[in-house]
């Protein structure tokens, strides 16, 4: 008779109803997640504007270049909004990214939107766009090339270590942290930096229609706010993505109603890419670890 107790029957019915409600909510949540995950592909068959994100440390990245080439060849992509948020990277990385973006811009409109920071190699990438926008507080510029080395000779003497090197020529493997930098090696490295810098300078003059004297004045390594960059002619206007879409509509007839889909310039945009982008913005150690010439801005390591 205990199984027929009305109170227990009522409790069981309430429990069943509660479980049914939670099951329904779980199914609804799962469906919502599937829809959100599928959203970037919902317009795959129709026209779209690609929102290309380039963040973190800029290096030579074949995977990123393939993504950009795919955007160039995709007839459904009517324009690209380039979202840049980076302090820069290697000189080769900036050059490679610029060339990939110029190839893209020759096929369809590209407008750059500069985020919190878009300096050095990131600004070089922005030069590939047809139109450049920045926020008033964006940090940009830092146009130039840097070569860094270190010298451990005093430390080695302190601990009683002496190094020797047998070279095929006086400049082989110089500079080195195990010897003081002599004048011939310093002169060679200065010429190397100057040569790569001159390439960056010519790019600036060509893409921003600047004479050499003006370009040299602006390309002394300083950073600019977005407002200063507009006044200097390094950036076209203050604005964000809405202004970018308005420009695309006005100048190129790309309707603002066309949906935008996110594309990550290299990687898959997952958690590891987010972490990598964050490290690229916050850890000068990663910059110091780069080999070769760099085009990067960081207040703790720049002159």
C-alpha atoms as a PDB file:
ATOM      1  CA  UNK A   1       0.000   0.000   0.000  1.00  0.00           C
ATOM      2  CA  UNK A   2       3.007   2.298   0.559  1.00  0.00           C
ATOM      3  CA  UNK A   3       3.608   2.470  -3.218  1.00  0.00           C
ATOM      4  CA  UNK A   4       0.161   4.043  -3.643  1.00  0.00           C
ATOM      5  CA  UNK A   5       0.775   6.803  -1.118  1.00  0.00           C
ATOM      6  CA  UNK A   6      -0.574   9.993  -2.769  1.00  0.00           C
ATOM      7  CA  UNK A   7       2.268  12.195  -1.497  1.00  0.00           C
ATOM      8  CA  UNK A   8       4.936   9.880  -2.887  1.00  0.00           C
ATOM      9  CA  UNK A   9       3.143   9.629  -6.228  1.00  0.00           C
ATOM     10  CA  UNK A  10       2.943  13.419  -6.402  1.00  0.00           C
ATOM     11  CA  UNK A  11       6.670  13.761  -5.627  1.00  0.00           C
ATOM     12  CA  UNK A  12       7.559  11.270  -8.350  1.00  0.00           C
ATOM     13  CA  UNK A  13       5.460  13.131 -10.919  1.00  0.00           C
ATOM     14  CA  UNK A  14       7.099  16.429  -9.964  1.00  0.00           C
ATOM     15  CA  UNK A  15      10.530  14.818 -10.273  1.00  0.00           C
ATOM     16  CA  UNK A  16       9.709  13.419 -13.725  1.00  0.00           C
ATOM     17  CA  UNK A  17       8.435  16.798 -14.881  1.00  0.00           C
ATOM     18  CA  UNK A  18      11.623  18.441 -13.600  1.00  0.00           C
ATOM     19  CA  UNK A  19      13.835  15.948 -15.434  1.00  0.00           C
ATOM     20  CA  UNK A  20      11.816  16.466 -18.621  1.00  0.00           C
ATOM     21  CA  UNK A  21      12.251  20.225 -18.379  1.00  0.00           C
ATOM     22  CA  UNK A  22      16.033  19.944 -17.927  1.00  0.00           C
ATOM     23  CA  UNK A  23      16.266  17.504 -20.830  1.00  0.00           C
ATOM     24  CA  UNK A  24      14.388  19.958 -23.032  1.00  0.00           C
ATOM     25  CA  UNK A  25      16.701  22.801 -21.971  1.00  0.00           C
ATOM     26  CA  UNK A  26      19.777  20.671 -22.670  1.00  0.00           C
ATOM     27  CA  UNK A  27      18.520  19.792 -26.145  1.00  0.00           C
ATOM     28  CA  UNK A  28      17.721  23.464 -26.842  1.00  0.00           C
ATOM     29  CA  UNK A  29      21.208  24.499 -25.688  1.00  0.00           C
ATOM     30  CA  UNK A  30      22.805  21.852 -27.916  1.00  0.00           C
ATOM     31  CA  UNK A  31      20.809  23.034 -30.919  1.00  0.00           C
ATOM     32  CA  UNK A  32      21.812  26.636 -30.198  1.00  0.00           C
ATOM     33  CA  UNK A  33      25.487  25.664 -30.037  1.00  0.00           C
ATOM     34  CA  UNK A  34      25.237  23.831 -33.355  1.00  0.00           C
ATOM     35  CA  UNK A  35      23.593  26.861 -34.963  1.00  0.00           C
ATOM     36  CA  UNK A  36      26.245  29.225 -33.610  1.00  0.00           C
ATOM     37  CA  UNK A  37      29.032  26.924 -34.811  1.00  0.00           C
ATOM     38  CA  UNK A  38      27.447  26.688 -38.240  1.00  0.00           C
ATOM     39  CA  UNK A  39      26.835  30.435 -38.567  1.00  0.00           C
ATOM     40  CA  UNK A  40      30.138  31.262 -40.304  1.00  0.00           C
ATOM     41  CA  UNK A  41      29.241  28.729 -42.995  1.00  0.00           C
ATOM     42  CA  UNK A  42      25.608  29.750 -43.360  1.00  0.00           C
ATOM     43  CA  UNK A  43      26.413  32.162 -46.159  1.00  0.00           C
ATOM     44  CA  UNK A  44      28.996  29.973 -47.842  1.00  0.00           C
ATOM     45  CA  UNK A  45      26.901  29.671 -50.934  1.00  0.00           C
ATOM     46  CA  UNK A  46      26.207  33.401 -51.272  1.00  0.00           C
ATOM     47  CA  UNK A  47      28.010  36.704 -51.390  1.00  0.00           C
ATOM     48  CA  UNK A  48      29.934  37.716 -48.300  1.00  0.00           C
ATOM     49  CA  UNK A  49      32.545  40.113 -46.981  1.00  0.00           C
ATOM     50  CA  UNK A  50      35.516  38.403 -45.348  1.00  0.00           C
ATOM     51  CA  UNK A  51      36.705  39.791 -42.023  1.00  0.00           C
ATOM     52  CA  UNK A  52      40.391  38.814 -41.976  1.00  0.00           C
ATOM     53  CA  UNK A  53      41.995  38.919 -38.525  1.00  0.00           C
ATOM     54  CA  UNK A  54      45.769  39.393 -38.227  1.00  0.00           C
ATOM     55  CA  UNK A  55      46.899  39.527 -34.591  1.00  0.00           C
ATOM     56  CA  UNK A  56      49.950  38.748 -32.516  1.00  0.00           C
ATOM     57  CA  UNK A  57      53.487  38.413 -33.788  1.00  0.00           C
ATOM     58  CA  UNK A  58      53.760  38.608 -37.587  1.00  0.00           C
ATOM     59  CA  UNK A  59      56.105  36.009 -39.050  1.00  0.00           C
ATOM     60  CA  UNK A  60      56.546  34.341 -42.419  1.00  0.00           C
ATOM     61  CA  UNK A  61      53.469  32.089 -42.438  1.00  0.00           C
ATOM     62  CA  UNK A  62      52.621  29.943 -45.504  1.00  0.00           C
ATOM     63  CA  UNK A  63      49.316  28.830 -43.920  1.00  0.00           C
ATOM     64  CA  UNK A  64      48.230  32.455 -43.578  1.00  0.00           C
ATOM     65  CA  UNK A  65      49.267  33.197 -47.162  1.00  0.00           C
ATOM     66  CA  UNK A  66      47.172  30.248 -48.400  1.00  0.00           C
ATOM     67  CA  UNK A  67      44.155  31.623 -46.522  1.00  0.00           C
ATOM     68  CA  UNK A  68      44.634  35.003 -48.212  1.00  0.00           C
ATOM     69  CA  UNK A  69      45.060  33.353 -51.631  1.00  0.00           C
ATOM     70  CA  UNK A  70      41.818  31.426 -51.081  1.00  0.00           C
ATOM     71  CA  UNK A  71      40.012  34.696 -50.328  1.00  0.00           C
ATOM     72  CA  UNK A  72      41.417  36.182 -53.531  1.00  0.00           C
ATOM     73  CA  UNK A  73      40.185  33.239 -55.605  1.00  0.00           C
ATOM     74  CA  UNK A  74      36.766  32.914 -53.931  1.00  0.00           C
ATOM     75  CA  UNK A  75      34.257  34.655 -56.195  1.00  0.00           C
ATOM     76  CA  UNK A  76      31.698  34.766 -53.379  1.00  0.00           C
ATOM     77  CA  UNK A  77      33.990  37.071 -51.372  1.00  0.00           C
ATOM     78  CA  UNK A  78      33.187  40.567 -52.608  1.00  0.00           C
ATOM     79  CA  UNK A  79      35.518  42.497 -50.306  1.00  0.00           C
ATOM     80  CA  UNK A  80      37.827  42.043 -47.320  1.00  0.00           C
ATOM     81  CA  UNK A  81      37.940  43.957 -44.043  1.00  0.00           C
ATOM     82  CA  UNK A  82      41.459  43.521 -42.679  1.00  0.00           C
ATOM     83  CA  UNK A  83      41.425  43.691 -38.863  1.00  0.00           C
ATOM     84  CA  UNK A  84      44.952  44.376 -37.617  1.00  0.00           C
ATOM     85  CA  UNK A  85      46.010  44.237 -33.971  1.00  0.00           C
ATOM     86  CA  UNK A  86      49.735  43.572 -33.728  1.00  0.00           C
ATOM     87  CA  UNK A  87      52.935  45.250 -32.574  1.00  0.00           C
ATOM     88  CA  UNK A  88      54.726  43.877 -35.651  1.00  0.00           C
ATOM     89  CA  UNK A  89      57.131  41.012 -36.190  1.00  0.00           C
ATOM     90  CA  UNK A  90      59.981  39.988 -38.478  1.00  0.00           C
ATOM     91  CA  UNK A  91      60.954  42.065 -41.490  1.00  0.00           C
ATOM     92  CA  UNK A  92      60.424  39.026 -43.735  1.00  0.00           C
ATOM     93  CA  UNK A  93      57.044  38.323 -42.117  1.00  0.00           C
ATOM     94  CA  UNK A  94      55.870  41.883 -42.767  1.00  0.00           C
ATOM     95  CA  UNK A  95      57.100  41.761 -46.365  1.00  0.00           C
ATOM     96  CA  UNK A  96      55.425  38.407 -47.055  1.00  0.00           C
ATOM     97  CA  UNK A  97      52.132  39.503 -45.521  1.00  0.00           C
ATOM     98  CA  UNK A  98      52.184  42.764 -47.485  1.00  0.00           C
ATOM     99  CA  UNK A  99      52.761  40.958 -50.775  1.00  0.00           C
ATOM    100  CA  UNK A 100      49.947  38.469 -50.081  1.00  0.00           C
ATOM    101  CA  UNK A 101      47.554  41.283 -49.206  1.00  0.00           C
ATOM    102  CA  UNK A 102      48.518  43.309 -52.291  1.00  0.00           C
ATOM    103  CA  UNK A 103      47.758  40.294 -54.463  1.00  0.00           C
ATOM    104  CA  UNK A 104      44.380  40.098 -52.747  1.00  0.00           C
ATOM    105  CA  UNK A 105      43.738  43.838 -53.118  1.00  0.00           C
ATOM    106  CA  UNK A 106      44.427  43.678 -56.849  1.00  0.00           C
ATOM    107  CA  UNK A 107      41.505  41.247 -57.170  1.00  0.00           C
ATOM    108  CA  UNK A 108      38.937  42.809 -54.798  1.00  0.00           C
ATOM    109  CA  UNK A 109      38.558  45.768 -52.403  1.00  0.00           C
ATOM    110  CA  UNK A 110      40.498  45.600 -49.133  1.00  0.00           C
ATOM    111  CA  UNK A 111      39.997  48.058 -46.277  1.00  0.00           C
ATOM    112  CA  UNK A 112      42.161  47.935 -43.143  1.00  0.00           C
ATOM    113  CA  UNK A 113      40.842  48.632 -39.654  1.00  0.00           C
ATOM    114  CA  UNK A 114      43.605  49.174 -37.096  1.00  0.00           C
ATOM    115  CA  UNK A 115      42.893  48.006 -33.547  1.00  0.00           C
ATOM    116  CA  UNK A 116      44.669  48.786 -30.285  1.00  0.00           C
ATOM    117  CA  UNK A 117      48.116  48.487 -31.870  1.00  0.00           C
ATOM    118  CA  UNK A 118      49.190  48.277 -35.509  1.00  0.00           C
ATOM    119  CA  UNK A 119      52.845  49.176 -35.668  1.00  0.00           C
ATOM    120  CA  UNK A 120      55.953  48.297 -37.676  1.00  0.00           C
ATOM    121  CA  UNK A 121      55.270  45.128 -39.732  1.00  0.00           C
ATOM    122  CA  UNK A 122      51.549  45.452 -38.929  1.00  0.00           C
ATOM    123  CA  UNK A 123      51.501  48.976 -40.338  1.00  0.00           C
ATOM    124  CA  UNK A 124      53.407  47.649 -43.354  1.00  0.00           C
ATOM    125  CA  UNK A 125      50.571  45.162 -43.838  1.00  0.00           C
ATOM    126  CA  UNK A 126      48.037  47.993 -43.609  1.00  0.00           C
ATOM    127  CA  UNK A 127      49.792  49.731 -46.503  1.00  0.00           C
ATOM    128  CA  UNK A 128      48.533  46.943 -48.765  1.00  0.00           C
ATOM    129  CA  UNK A 129      44.913  48.020 -48.229  1.00  0.00           C
ATOM    130  CA  UNK A 130      43.022  50.480 -50.432  1.00  0.00           C
ATOM    131  CA  UNK A 131      41.769  52.428 -47.404  1.00  0.00           C
ATOM    132  CA  UNK A 132      43.065  52.536 -43.818  1.00  0.00           C
ATOM    133  CA  UNK A 133      41.005  53.369 -40.717  1.00  0.00           C
ATOM    134  CA  UNK A 134      42.094  53.644 -37.082  1.00  0.00           C
ATOM    135  CA  UNK A 135      40.639  54.579 -33.730  1.00  0.00           C
ATOM    136  CA  UNK A 136      41.792  57.876 -32.254  1.00  0.00           C
ATOM    137  CA  UNK A 137      43.686  55.987 -29.551  1.00  0.00           C
ATOM    138  CA  UNK A 138      45.214  53.363 -31.868  1.00  0.00           C
ATOM    139  CA  UNK A 139      48.995  53.122 -31.642  1.00  0.00           C
ATOM    140  CA  UNK A 140      50.489  52.931 -35.115  1.00  0.00           C
ATOM    141  CA  UNK A 141      53.598  53.895 -37.063  1.00  0.00           C
ATOM    142  CA  UNK A 142      56.943  52.807 -35.564  1.00  0.00           C
ATOM    143  CA  UNK A 143      58.151  52.605 -39.141  1.00  0.00           C
ATOM    144  CA  UNK A 144      61.616  51.133 -39.249  1.00  0.00           C
ATOM    145  CA  UNK A 145      63.876  48.106 -38.882  1.00  0.00           C
ATOM    146  CA  UNK A 146      65.722  46.875 -35.817  1.00  0.00           C
ATOM    147  CA  UNK A 147      68.607  44.494 -35.291  1.00  0.00           C
ATOM    148  CA  UNK A 148      69.421  43.531 -31.723  1.00  0.00           C
ATOM    149  CA  UNK A 149      72.299  41.600 -30.259  1.00  0.00           C
ATOM    150  CA  UNK A 150      73.847  41.112 -26.820  1.00  0.00           C
ATOM    151  CA  UNK A 151      77.362  40.968 -25.434  1.00  0.00           C
ATOM    152  CA  UNK A 152      78.373  38.620 -22.615  1.00  0.00           C
ATOM    153  CA  UNK A 153      82.121  39.317 -22.520  1.00  0.00           C
ATOM    154  CA  UNK A 154      82.136  41.016 -19.100  1.00  0.00           C
ATOM    155  CA  UNK A 155      80.062  38.191 -17.617  1.00  0.00           C
ATOM    156  CA  UNK A 156      82.345  35.539 -19.143  1.00  0.00           C
ATOM    157  CA  UNK A 157      85.403  37.251 -17.730  1.00  0.00           C
ATOM    158  CA  UNK A 158      83.744  37.374 -14.320  1.00  0.00           C
ATOM    159  CA  UNK A 159      83.214  33.621 -14.266  1.00  0.00           C
ATOM    160  CA  UNK A 160      86.552  32.788 -15.886  1.00  0.00           C
ATOM    161  CA  UNK A 161      85.355  31.651 -19.313  1.00  0.00           C
ATOM    162  CA  UNK A 162      87.258  32.499 -22.500  1.00  0.00           C
ATOM    163  CA  UNK A 163      85.983  31.773 -26.023  1.00  0.00           C
ATOM    164  CA  UNK A 164      87.814  31.481 -29.322  1.00  0.00           C
ATOM    165  CA  UNK A 165      86.567  31.364 -32.906  1.00  0.00           C
ATOM    166  CA  UNK A 166      88.316  30.236 -36.111  1.00  0.00           C
ATOM    167  CA  UNK A 167      86.755  32.165 -38.997  1.00  0.00           C
ATOM    168  CA  UNK A 168      86.986  31.976 -42.767  1.00  0.00           C
ATOM    169  CA  UNK A 169      86.705  35.768 -42.832  1.00  0.00           C
ATOM    170  CA  UNK A 170      86.796  38.633 -40.315  1.00  0.00           C
ATOM    171  CA  UNK A 171      83.028  39.216 -40.480  1.00  0.00           C
ATOM    172  CA  UNK A 172      81.866  35.591 -40.356  1.00  0.00           C
ATOM    173  CA  UNK A 173      79.339  35.003 -37.499  1.00  0.00           C
ATOM    174  CA  UNK A 174      79.412  38.603 -36.362  1.00  0.00           C
ATOM    175  CA  UNK A 175      77.956  40.082 -34.277  1.00  0.00           C
ATOM    176  CA  UNK A 176      78.277  37.456 -31.562  1.00  0.00           C
ATOM    177  CA  UNK A 177      77.506  37.714 -27.836  1.00  0.00           C
ATOM    178  CA  UNK A 178      80.941  36.226 -27.075  1.00  0.00           C
ATOM    179  CA  UNK A 179      82.911  39.177 -28.467  1.00  0.00           C
ATOM    180  CA  UNK A 180      82.663  42.943 -28.326  1.00  0.00           C
ATOM    181  CA  UNK A 181      81.117  44.402 -31.488  1.00  0.00           C
ATOM    182  CA  UNK A 182      83.910  46.000 -33.522  1.00  0.00           C
ATOM    183  CA  UNK A 183      83.524  48.868 -35.971  1.00  0.00           C
ATOM    184  CA  UNK A 184      83.659  46.804 -39.216  1.00  0.00           C
ATOM    185  CA  UNK A 185      80.889  44.463 -37.988  1.00  0.00           C
ATOM    186  CA  UNK A 186      78.829  47.402 -36.730  1.00  0.00           C
ATOM    187  CA  UNK A 187      79.172  49.148 -40.097  1.00  0.00           C
ATOM    188  CA  UNK A 188      78.067  46.031 -42.007  1.00  0.00           C
ATOM    189  CA  UNK A 189      75.022  45.554 -39.790  1.00  0.00           C
ATOM    190  CA  UNK A 190      74.106  49.240 -40.071  1.00  0.00           C
ATOM    191  CA  UNK A 191      74.253  48.971 -43.865  1.00  0.00           C
ATOM    192  CA  UNK A 192      72.044  45.871 -43.739  1.00  0.00           C
ATOM    193  CA  UNK A 193      69.452  47.597 -41.547  1.00  0.00           C
ATOM    194  CA  UNK A 194      69.561  50.680 -43.786  1.00  0.00           C
ATOM    195  CA  UNK A 195      68.971  48.592 -46.912  1.00  0.00           C
ATOM    196  CA  UNK A 196      65.851  46.875 -45.504  1.00  0.00           C
ATOM    197  CA  UNK A 197      64.661  50.175 -44.047  1.00  0.00           C
ATOM    198  CA  UNK A 198      64.966  51.843 -47.452  1.00  0.00           C
ATOM    199  CA  UNK A 199      62.696  49.167 -48.909  1.00  0.00           C
ATOM    200  CA  UNK A 200      60.095  49.909 -46.200  1.00  0.00           C
ATOM    201  CA  UNK A 201      60.508  53.637 -46.876  1.00  0.00           C
ATOM    202  CA  UNK A 202      59.915  53.253 -50.627  1.00  0.00           C
ATOM    203  CA  UNK A 203      56.781  51.255 -49.860  1.00  0.00           C
ATOM    204  CA  UNK A 204      55.537  54.029 -47.580  1.00  0.00           C
ATOM    205  CA  UNK A 205      56.215  56.677 -50.221  1.00  0.00           C
ATOM    206  CA  UNK A 206      54.449  54.698 -52.941  1.00  0.00           C
ATOM    207  CA  UNK A 207      51.358  53.625 -50.994  1.00  0.00           C
ATOM    208  CA  UNK A 208      50.777  56.891 -49.086  1.00  0.00           C
ATOM    209  CA  UNK A 209      51.871  59.248 -51.907  1.00  0.00           C
ATOM    210  CA  UNK A 210      54.592  60.905 -49.817  1.00  0.00           C
ATOM    211  CA  UNK A 211      57.778  62.593 -50.973  1.00  0.00           C
ATOM    212  CA  UNK A 212      61.035  61.216 -49.572  1.00  0.00           C
ATOM    213  CA  UNK A 213      61.638  64.113 -47.184  1.00  0.00           C
ATOM    214  CA  UNK A 214      58.193  63.729 -45.593  1.00  0.00           C
ATOM    215  CA  UNK A 215      58.492  59.941 -45.473  1.00  0.00           C
ATOM    216  CA  UNK A 216      61.876  60.157 -43.740  1.00  0.00           C
ATOM    217  CA  UNK A 217      60.457  62.543 -41.157  1.00  0.00           C
ATOM    218  CA  UNK A 218      57.555  60.208 -40.380  1.00  0.00           C
ATOM    219  CA  UNK A 219      59.596  57.005 -40.538  1.00  0.00           C
ATOM    220  CA  UNK A 220      62.008  57.790 -37.707  1.00  0.00           C
ATOM    221  CA  UNK A 221      60.628  54.958 -35.544  1.00  0.00           C
ATOM    222  CA  UNK A 222      58.150  57.024 -33.518  1.00  0.00           C
ATOM    223  CA  UNK A 223      54.638  55.804 -32.755  1.00  0.00           C
ATOM    224  CA  UNK A 224      51.551  57.850 -33.571  1.00  0.00           C
ATOM    225  CA  UNK A 225      48.054  57.910 -32.178  1.00  0.00           C
ATOM    226  CA  UNK A 226      45.310  57.298 -34.709  1.00  0.00           C
ATOM    227  CA  UNK A 227      44.490  61.017 -34.767  1.00  0.00           C
ATOM    228  CA  UNK A 228      48.132  61.951 -35.336  1.00  0.00           C
ATOM    229  CA  UNK A 229      48.421  59.327 -38.063  1.00  0.00           C
ATOM    230  CA  UNK A 230      45.441  60.830 -39.923  1.00  0.00           C
ATOM    231  CA  UNK A 231      46.998  64.300 -39.730  1.00  0.00           C
ATOM    232  CA  UNK A 232      50.320  62.914 -40.954  1.00  0.00           C
ATOM    233  CA  UNK A 233      48.724  61.074 -43.887  1.00  0.00           C
ATOM    234  CA  UNK A 234      49.607  57.602 -42.621  1.00  0.00           C
ATOM    235  CA  UNK A 235      45.944  56.699 -42.079  1.00  0.00           C
ATOM    236  CA  UNK A 236      42.943  57.824 -44.136  1.00  0.00           C
ATOM    237  CA  UNK A 237      40.308  58.374 -41.460  1.00  0.00           C
ATOM    238  CA  UNK A 238      39.150  57.666 -37.924  1.00  0.00           C
ATOM    239  CA  UNK A 239      36.690  54.815 -37.679  1.00  0.00           C
ATOM    240  CA  UNK A 240      35.992  51.128 -37.197  1.00  0.00           C
ATOM    241  CA  UNK A 241      34.284  48.351 -39.084  1.00  0.00           C
ATOM    242  CA  UNK A 242      31.000  50.198 -39.631  1.00  0.00           C
ATOM    243  CA  UNK A 243      32.916  53.022 -41.329  1.00  0.00           C
ATOM    244  CA  UNK A 244      34.850  50.428 -43.337  1.00  0.00           C
ATOM    245  CA  UNK A 245      31.615  48.882 -44.601  1.00  0.00           C
ATOM    246  CA  UNK A 246      30.222  52.319 -45.421  1.00  0.00           C
ATOM    247  CA  UNK A 247      33.359  53.079 -47.457  1.00  0.00           C
ATOM    248  CA  UNK A 248      33.078  49.773 -49.313  1.00  0.00           C
ATOM    249  CA  UNK A 249      29.446  50.569 -50.145  1.00  0.00           C
ATOM    250  CA  UNK A 250      30.125  54.115 -51.289  1.00  0.00           C
ATOM    251  CA  UNK A 251      33.321  53.549 -53.263  1.00  0.00           C
ATOM    252  CA  UNK A 252      32.967  49.950 -54.475  1.00  0.00           C
ATOM    253  CA  UNK A 253      29.220  49.299 -54.329  1.00  0.00           C
ATOM    254  CA  UNK A 254      29.579  46.455 -51.819  1.00  0.00           C
ATOM    255  CA  UNK A 255      26.283  46.548 -49.975  1.00  0.00           C
ATOM    256  CA  UNK A 256      26.369  46.851 -46.199  1.00  0.00           C
ATOM    257  CA  UNK A 257      23.652  44.187 -46.153  1.00  0.00           C
ATOM    258  CA  UNK A 258      26.091  41.526 -47.395  1.00  0.00           C
ATOM    259  CA  UNK A 259      27.021  39.409 -44.351  1.00  0.00           C
ATOM    260  CA  UNK A 260      30.551  39.324 -42.986  1.00  0.00           C
ATOM    261  CA  UNK A 261      32.307  36.109 -41.955  1.00  0.00           C
ATOM    262  CA  UNK A 262      35.428  35.823 -39.803  1.00  0.00           C
ATOM    263  CA  UNK A 263      38.688  34.455 -41.161  1.00  0.00           C
ATOM    264  CA  UNK A 264      41.861  34.074 -39.109  1.00  0.00           C
ATOM    265  CA  UNK A 265      45.072  34.846 -40.970  1.00  0.00           C
ATOM    266  CA  UNK A 266      46.836  31.577 -40.170  1.00  0.00           C
ATOM    267  CA  UNK A 267      45.675  28.980 -37.646  1.00  0.00           C
ATOM    268  CA  UNK A 268      42.060  28.068 -37.045  1.00  0.00           C
ATOM    269  CA  UNK A 269      41.089  30.805 -34.627  1.00  0.00           C
ATOM    270  CA  UNK A 270      40.887  28.365 -31.732  1.00  0.00           C
ATOM    271  CA  UNK A 271      42.052  28.735 -28.151  1.00  0.00           C
ATOM    272  CA  UNK A 272      45.724  28.221 -29.031  1.00  0.00           C
ATOM    273  CA  UNK A 273      45.573  31.024 -31.598  1.00  0.00           C
ATOM    274  CA  UNK A 274      43.964  33.341 -29.056  1.00  0.00           C
ATOM    275  CA  UNK A 275      46.676  32.535 -26.505  1.00  0.00           C
ATOM    276  CA  UNK A 276      49.390  32.978 -29.130  1.00  0.00           C
ATOM    277  CA  UNK A 277      47.977  36.375 -30.136  1.00  0.00           C
ATOM    278  CA  UNK A 278      47.884  37.468 -26.498  1.00  0.00           C
ATOM    279  CA  UNK A 279      51.498  36.388 -25.943  1.00  0.00           C
ATOM    280  CA  UNK A 280      52.537  38.194 -29.101  1.00  0.00           C
ATOM    281  CA  UNK A 281      51.131  41.438 -27.688  1.00  0.00           C
ATOM    282  CA  UNK A 282      52.432  41.129 -24.140  1.00  0.00           C
ATOM    283  CA  UNK A 283      55.748  39.259 -24.068  1.00  0.00           C
ATOM    284  CA  UNK A 284      58.861  41.054 -25.330  1.00  0.00           C
ATOM    285  CA  UNK A 285      60.687  37.760 -24.718  1.00  0.00           C
ATOM    286  CA  UNK A 286      59.122  36.378 -27.895  1.00  0.00           C
ATOM    287  CA  UNK A 287      60.395  39.357 -29.847  1.00  0.00           C
ATOM    288  CA  UNK A 288      63.891  39.010 -28.453  1.00  0.00           C
ATOM    289  CA  UNK A 289      63.895  35.347 -29.447  1.00  0.00           C
ATOM    290  CA  UNK A 290      63.432  36.135 -33.144  1.00  0.00           C
ATOM    291  CA  UNK A 291      66.349  35.633 -35.482  1.00  0.00           C
ATOM    292  CA  UNK A 292      67.181  38.213 -38.122  1.00  0.00           C
ATOM    293  CA  UNK A 293      65.860  41.720 -38.658  1.00  0.00           C
ATOM    294  CA  UNK A 294      62.626  42.682 -36.951  1.00  0.00           C
ATOM    295  CA  UNK A 295      59.986  45.338 -37.537  1.00  0.00           C
ATOM    296  CA  UNK A 296      58.260  45.489 -34.195  1.00  0.00           C
ATOM    297  CA  UNK A 297      57.343  48.013 -31.539  1.00  0.00           C
ATOM    298  CA  UNK A 298      57.490  47.402 -27.809  1.00  0.00           C
ATOM    299  CA  UNK A 299      58.248  50.146 -25.263  1.00  0.00           C
ATOM    300  CA  UNK A 300      60.467  47.848 -23.182  1.00  0.00           C
ATOM    301  CA  UNK A 301      62.855  46.969 -26.002  1.00  0.00           C
ATOM    302  CA  UNK A 302      62.731  49.787 -28.529  1.00  0.00           C
ATOM    303  CA  UNK A 303      65.302  52.584 -28.432  1.00  0.00           C
END
